[in-house]
Amino acid sequence: MAVVTKTCPTCFGVGRIPTDKTLGERLRVARQQAGVTLDSIAVALGISKSYCSQLENGWRSLSDGMFDTYLSAIEQNSMKKGKIK
């Protein structure tokens, strides 16, 4: 998989950031299908809503560990809402 770069609009001209849009898109789709908000994921992970959004939009790189943790947080929040049994 090729690494794509974008200029981040909120990075104050710092430059280009490596991105992986495909993983972020997977997270967003999984979160939305589970009916989980960015707010609840941010709280569960102890990170900002903005950072969650940047992960989903490919502005931040995702490690394998963070991807798994993010998916676990989606699953846990979804179970709380009764979406997953």
Foldseek 3Di string as FASTA:
>chain_A
DDWDWDADPPPVPPGIDTFDQVLLCVLVVLLVVLVHDLVQLCVQVVHDSVVNVCNNRGVHDDDPVNSVSSNVSSVVVSVVVVSDD
